[in-house]
Amino acid sequence: DLFAELPSLVTLILSGNKIQTVASGAFESLRKLHTLRLEDNNLGNVPTAALVPLAAGLRSLHLGKNLIETLEDGAFRHLARLRLLALNDNAIDRVDPLAFDSLVSLDALDLSFNRLDGPIEAFTTVSPLTHLDLSGNMWRQLPANFLSGLPRLQTLNVSYMEYLRSVDPAVFHMKRPAITNGSVVTISTSPKVLPIVNLVMTNNALWNHLPTGLFHGLDAHLVRLDLSGNAFETLEMGGHHSDWPHL
């Protein structure tokens, strides 16, 4: 145990080294650690086993600017008190469905500047999340109900997506279950909308059309909207303008 003589340590910063692996017992004595910074290293995987002893106290985990490609099921197991998880600037192109399964207190998640381009089923396991950054990924289209599993989301950043061409008008809608003939089905009528307060959608170089109805229903919460640096050539008149009374 490298830190056996520091049992009261609250913050540990190991950023900017060349760390490739972390031994399973490296943090065994750091039961009071609240913040661990491992960004800007050469980690190829989440050091899951090494994080287990930190379960009781860890609140903030920074793993940005590493070489992580996959978030496997159980990658953050036991970290039930973690509130901030930064995974920005890696090479993540796969998130397994149960990758975030234990993160029942997670408030902020940064997945910016990775290689994500498809649906992320794992979002359904982090329903407490209020802040999400997906900037700089590889989506070509943001589909309807894309963030349906995040009913408390307040701040969303979907900027700097160089391949993004279209956004479905129902992207901020949540799926609503209904009972029909004894079976559960999904309906889209009168959809519930995410309670977004701050929405940032900037510098998406190929996104040239703002679809009518995109902001429908967001008026109850939205107070800040940033659409700078996109490729819009015109703002067509549509019903969505009346949905912004709080802006």
Protein backbone atom coordinates (compact mmCIF):
# COMPACT_ATOMS: atom_id res chain seq x y z
CA ASP A 1 0.00 0.00 0.00
CA LEU A 2 1.79 3.10 -1.26
CA PHE A 3 -0.19 5.47 0.95
CA ALA A 4 -0.39 3.41 4.17
CA GLU A 5 0.93 6.31 6.26
CA LEU A 6 -1.70 8.77 4.97
CA PRO A 7 -5.04 7.39 6.20
CA SER A 8 -6.57 10.88 6.62
CA LEU A 9 -5.90 11.99 3.05
CA VAL A 10 -8.94 13.65 1.44
CA THR A 11 -7.58 14.66 -1.98
CA LEU A 12 -5.03 12.77 -4.08
CA ILE A 13 -3.75 14.25 -7.35
CA LEU A 14 -1.80 11.97 -9.67
CA SER A 15 -2.48 13.89 -12.88
CA GLY A 16 0.03 14.33 -15.66
CA ASN A 17 2.11 11.24 -15.03
CA LYS A 18 2.53 8.20 -17.30
CA ILE A 19 0.51 5.74 -15.23
CA GLN A 20 -0.65 2.72 -17.25
CA THR A 21 -2.00 0.51 -14.46
CA VAL A 22 -3.01 0.90 -10.82
CA ALA A 23 -2.52 -2.09 -8.52
CA SER A 24 -5.63 -3.36 -6.75
CA GLY A 25 -4.26 -2.44 -3.32
CA ALA A 26 -2.77 0.93 -4.21
CA PHE A 27 -5.43 2.93 -2.33
CA GLU A 28 -6.22 0.40 0.39
CA SER A 29 -5.54 2.83 3.27
CA LEU A 30 -7.31 5.86 1.79
CA ARG A 31 -10.76 5.20 3.22
CA LYS A 32 -11.42 8.93 3.74
CA LEU A 33 -10.48 10.00 0.22
CA HIS A 34 -13.07 12.30 -1.38
CA THR A 35 -11.30 13.33 -4.60
CA LEU A 36 -9.04 11.27 -6.85
CA ARG A 37 -7.46 12.84 -9.92
CA LEU A 38 -5.89 10.45 -12.41
CA GLU A 39 -6.37 12.49 -15.57
CA ASP A 40 -3.69 12.93 -18.23
CA ASN A 41 -2.08 9.52 -17.79
CA ASN A 42 -1.88 6.39 -19.97
CA LEU A 43 -4.64 4.28 -18.42
CA GLY A 44 -6.18 1.88 -20.92
CA ASN A 45 -8.98 0.79 -18.58
CA VAL A 46 -10.89 2.02 -15.55
CA PRO A 47 -8.86 0.77 -12.53
CA THR A 48 -11.95 -0.87 -11.04
CA ALA A 49 -10.29 -3.11 -8.45
CA ALA A 50 -8.12 -0.28 -7.13
CA LEU A 51 -11.20 1.91 -6.58
CA VAL A 52 -13.14 -0.58 -4.43
CA PRO A 53 -11.50 0.46 -1.09
CA LEU A 54 -12.59 4.06 -1.77
CA ALA A 55 -16.29 3.21 -1.91
CA ALA A 56 -17.25 4.75 1.43
CA GLY A 57 -15.89 8.22 0.78
CA LEU A 58 -15.09 8.94 -2.87
CA ARG A 59 -17.16 11.83 -4.25
CA SER A 60 -15.14 12.98 -7.28
CA LEU A 61 -13.23 10.84 -9.79
CA HIS A 62 -11.27 12.32 -12.69
CA LEU A 63 -10.13 9.93 -15.43
CA GLY A 64 -10.00 12.33 -18.37
CA LYS A 65 -7.20 12.44 -20.95
CA ASN A 66 -6.33 8.76 -20.74
CA LEU A 67 -6.56 5.92 -23.29
CA ILE A 68 -9.79 4.27 -22.13
CA GLU A 69 -11.82 2.72 -24.97
CA THR A 70 -14.52 0.71 -23.19
CA LEU A 71 -16.62 1.20 -20.07
CA GLU A 72 -17.44 -2.34 -19.04
CA ASP A 73 -20.31 -3.52 -16.87
CA GLY A 74 -19.47 -2.85 -13.22
CA ALA A 75 -16.57 -0.54 -14.03
CA PHE A 76 -17.48 1.68 -11.07
CA ARG A 77 -18.97 -0.92 -8.78
CA HIS A 78 -19.39 0.00 -5.11
CA LEU A 79 -18.91 3.75 -5.74
CA ALA A 80 -22.40 4.54 -4.50
CA ARG A 81 -21.43 7.95 -3.10
CA LEU A 82 -19.66 9.25 -6.20
CA ARG A 83 -21.15 12.55 -7.37
CA LEU A 84 -18.81 13.64 -10.18
CA LEU A 85 -17.27 11.40 -12.83
CA ALA A 86 -15.03 12.90 -15.54
CA LEU A 87 -14.14 10.66 -18.49
CA ASN A 88 -13.46 13.36 -21.05
CA ASP A 89 -10.81 13.13 -23.77
CA ASN A 90 -10.42 9.38 -23.89
CA ALA A 91 -11.17 7.06 -26.83
CA ILE A 92 -14.42 5.60 -25.47
CA ASP A 93 -16.54 4.03 -28.19
CA ARG A 94 -18.49 1.50 -26.11
CA VAL A 95 -20.45 1.85 -22.89
CA ASP A 96 -21.87 -1.42 -21.59
CA PRO A 97 -25.46 -1.33 -20.25
CA LEU A 98 -24.41 -1.71 -16.60
CA ALA A 99 -21.25 0.40 -16.72
CA PHE A 100 -22.77 2.99 -14.35
CA ASP A 101 -24.94 0.56 -12.41
CA SER A 102 -23.61 1.37 -8.91
CA LEU A 103 -23.52 5.16 -9.32
CA VAL A 104 -26.77 5.86 -7.51
CA SER A 105 -25.64 9.32 -6.30
CA LEU A 106 -24.01 10.56 -9.51
CA ASP A 107 -24.82 14.20 -10.22
CA ALA A 108 -22.39 15.16 -13.01
CA LEU A 109 -20.96 13.07 -15.85
CA ASP A 110 -18.44 14.28 -18.43
CA LEU A 111 -18.12 12.06 -21.52
CA SER A 112 -16.94 14.82 -23.83
CA PHE A 113 -14.45 14.28 -26.64
CA ASN A 114 -14.68 10.54 -26.99
CA ARG A 115 -15.83 8.36 -29.92
CA LEU A 116 -19.44 7.70 -28.97
CA ASP A 117 -21.91 7.47 -31.86
CA GLY A 118 -24.86 5.34 -30.75
CA PRO A 119 -27.50 4.94 -28.03
CA ILE A 120 -26.26 4.63 -24.46
CA GLU A 121 -28.46 2.22 -22.56
CA ALA A 122 -26.39 2.80 -19.42
CA PHE A 123 -28.04 6.21 -18.95
CA THR A 124 -31.09 4.43 -17.54
CA THR A 125 -29.05 3.43 -14.47
CA VAL A 126 -27.99 6.98 -13.48
CA SER A 127 -31.38 8.65 -13.12
CA PRO A 128 -30.13 11.15 -10.44
CA LEU A 129 -27.85 12.80 -13.04
CA THR A 130 -28.38 16.57 -13.44
CA HIS A 131 -25.30 17.60 -15.48
CA LEU A 132 -24.15 15.83 -18.66
CA ASP A 133 -21.48 16.79 -21.19
CA LEU A 134 -21.47 14.85 -24.48
CA SER A 135 -19.53 17.39 -26.53
CA GLY A 136 -17.01 16.37 -29.14
CA ASN A 137 -18.36 12.90 -29.85
CA MET A 138 -19.25 11.30 -33.19
CA TRP A 139 -23.03 11.27 -33.38
CA ARG A 140 -24.43 12.05 -36.82
CA GLN A 141 -27.97 12.35 -35.51
CA LEU A 142 -29.51 12.80 -32.08
CA PRO A 143 -32.64 10.60 -32.09
CA ALA A 144 -35.95 10.92 -30.26
CA ASN A 145 -35.90 9.98 -26.58
CA PHE A 146 -32.09 9.95 -26.70
CA LEU A 147 -31.83 10.93 -23.02
CA SER A 148 -35.04 9.37 -21.80
CA GLY A 149 -33.38 7.67 -18.83
CA LEU A 150 -32.30 10.97 -17.24
CA PRO A 151 -35.48 12.50 -15.77
CA ARG A 152 -33.61 15.05 -13.61
CA LEU A 153 -31.24 16.40 -16.26
CA GLN A 154 -30.76 20.18 -15.92
CA THR A 155 -27.56 21.00 -17.82
CA LEU A 156 -26.74 19.44 -21.18
CA ASN A 157 -23.84 20.17 -23.53
CA VAL A 158 -23.88 18.68 -27.04
CA SER A 159 -21.34 20.90 -28.79
CA TYR A 160 -18.37 20.39 -31.14
CA MET A 161 -19.81 17.33 -32.87
CA GLU A 162 -18.15 17.49 -36.27
CA TYR A 163 -20.42 14.85 -37.84
CA LEU A 164 -23.77 15.97 -36.41
CA ARG A 165 -26.24 16.78 -39.19
CA SER A 166 -29.68 16.51 -37.60
CA VAL A 167 -31.50 16.58 -34.29
CA ASP A 168 -34.88 14.91 -33.86
CA PRO A 169 -37.52 17.34 -32.52
CA ALA A 170 -38.32 14.78 -29.81
CA VAL A 171 -34.72 14.44 -28.60
CA PHE A 172 -35.59 15.97 -25.22
CA HIS A 173 -38.71 13.84 -24.70
CA MET A 174 -38.95 10.97 -22.25
CA LYS A 175 -40.70 7.72 -23.07
CA ARG A 176 -43.89 7.22 -21.11
CA PRO A 177 -45.11 3.71 -20.28
CA ALA A 178 -48.79 2.87 -20.57
CA ILE A 179 -50.82 -0.23 -19.82
CA THR A 180 -52.70 -1.66 -22.79
CA ASN A 181 -54.46 -5.02 -22.59
CA GLY A 182 -52.28 -5.97 -19.66
CA SER A 183 -48.98 -5.35 -21.42
CA VAL A 184 -46.56 -2.44 -21.11
CA VAL A 185 -46.10 -0.39 -24.27
CA THR A 186 -44.36 2.88 -25.07
CA ILE A 187 -46.38 5.87 -26.19
CA SER A 188 -45.23 9.24 -27.51
CA THR A 189 -48.43 11.30 -27.20
CA SER A 190 -48.28 14.19 -24.71
CA PRO A 191 -44.64 13.39 -23.90
CA LYS A 192 -42.94 14.36 -20.71
CA VAL A 193 -39.95 16.62 -21.39
CA LEU A 194 -36.58 16.75 -19.65
CA PRO A 195 -36.33 19.58 -17.05
CA ILE A 196 -33.35 21.23 -18.77
CA VAL A 197 -32.34 24.64 -17.42
CA ASN A 198 -29.10 25.21 -19.35
CA LEU A 199 -28.78 23.87 -22.91
CA VAL A 200 -25.56 24.28 -24.90
CA MET A 201 -25.51 23.19 -28.56
CA THR A 202 -22.63 25.10 -30.14
CA ASN A 203 -20.06 24.65 -32.91
CA ASN A 204 -21.65 21.69 -34.67
CA ALA A 205 -20.20 22.50 -38.07
CA LEU A 206 -22.61 20.45 -40.23
CA TRP A 207 -25.84 21.15 -38.32
CA ASN A 208 -27.61 23.60 -40.61
CA HIS A 209 -31.29 23.22 -39.74
CA LEU A 210 -33.08 24.08 -36.52
CA PRO A 211 -36.18 21.86 -36.58
CA THR A 212 -39.53 23.34 -35.65
CA GLY A 213 -40.72 22.04 -32.30
CA LEU A 214 -37.27 21.17 -31.00
CA PHE A 215 -37.81 23.24 -27.85
CA HIS A 216 -41.48 22.43 -27.36
CA GLY A 217 -42.15 21.74 -23.69
CA LEU A 218 -38.82 23.06 -22.44
CA ASP A 219 -40.38 26.41 -21.51
CA ALA A 220 -41.16 25.28 -17.95
CA HIS A 221 -37.47 25.17 -17.02
CA LEU A 222 -35.12 26.45 -19.75
CA VAL A 223 -33.45 29.78 -18.91
CA ARG A 224 -30.22 29.62 -20.94
CA LEU A 225 -29.81 28.46 -24.54
CA ASP A 226 -26.55 28.69 -26.52
CA LEU A 227 -26.73 27.90 -30.26
CA SER A 228 -23.62 29.79 -31.36
CA GLY A 229 -21.18 28.58 -34.00
CA ASN A 230 -23.48 26.20 -35.90
CA ALA A 231 -24.21 26.25 -39.64
CA PHE A 232 -27.73 27.73 -39.62
CA GLU A 233 -28.43 29.82 -42.72
CA THR A 234 -31.94 30.89 -41.72
CA LEU A 235 -34.29 30.83 -38.76
CA GLU A 236 -37.61 29.69 -40.17
CA MET A 237 -40.76 30.83 -38.44
CA GLY A 238 -42.37 28.07 -36.44
CA GLY A 239 -44.36 27.36 -33.31
CA HIS A 240 -41.27 26.76 -31.20
CA HIS A 241 -40.61 30.47 -30.63
CA SER A 242 -43.55 30.71 -28.25
CA ASP A 243 -42.06 27.98 -26.08
CA TRP A 244 -39.28 30.21 -24.68
CA PRO A 245 -40.97 32.56 -22.17
CA HIS A 246 -38.19 32.22 -19.60
CA LEU A 247 -35.25 32.99 -21.91
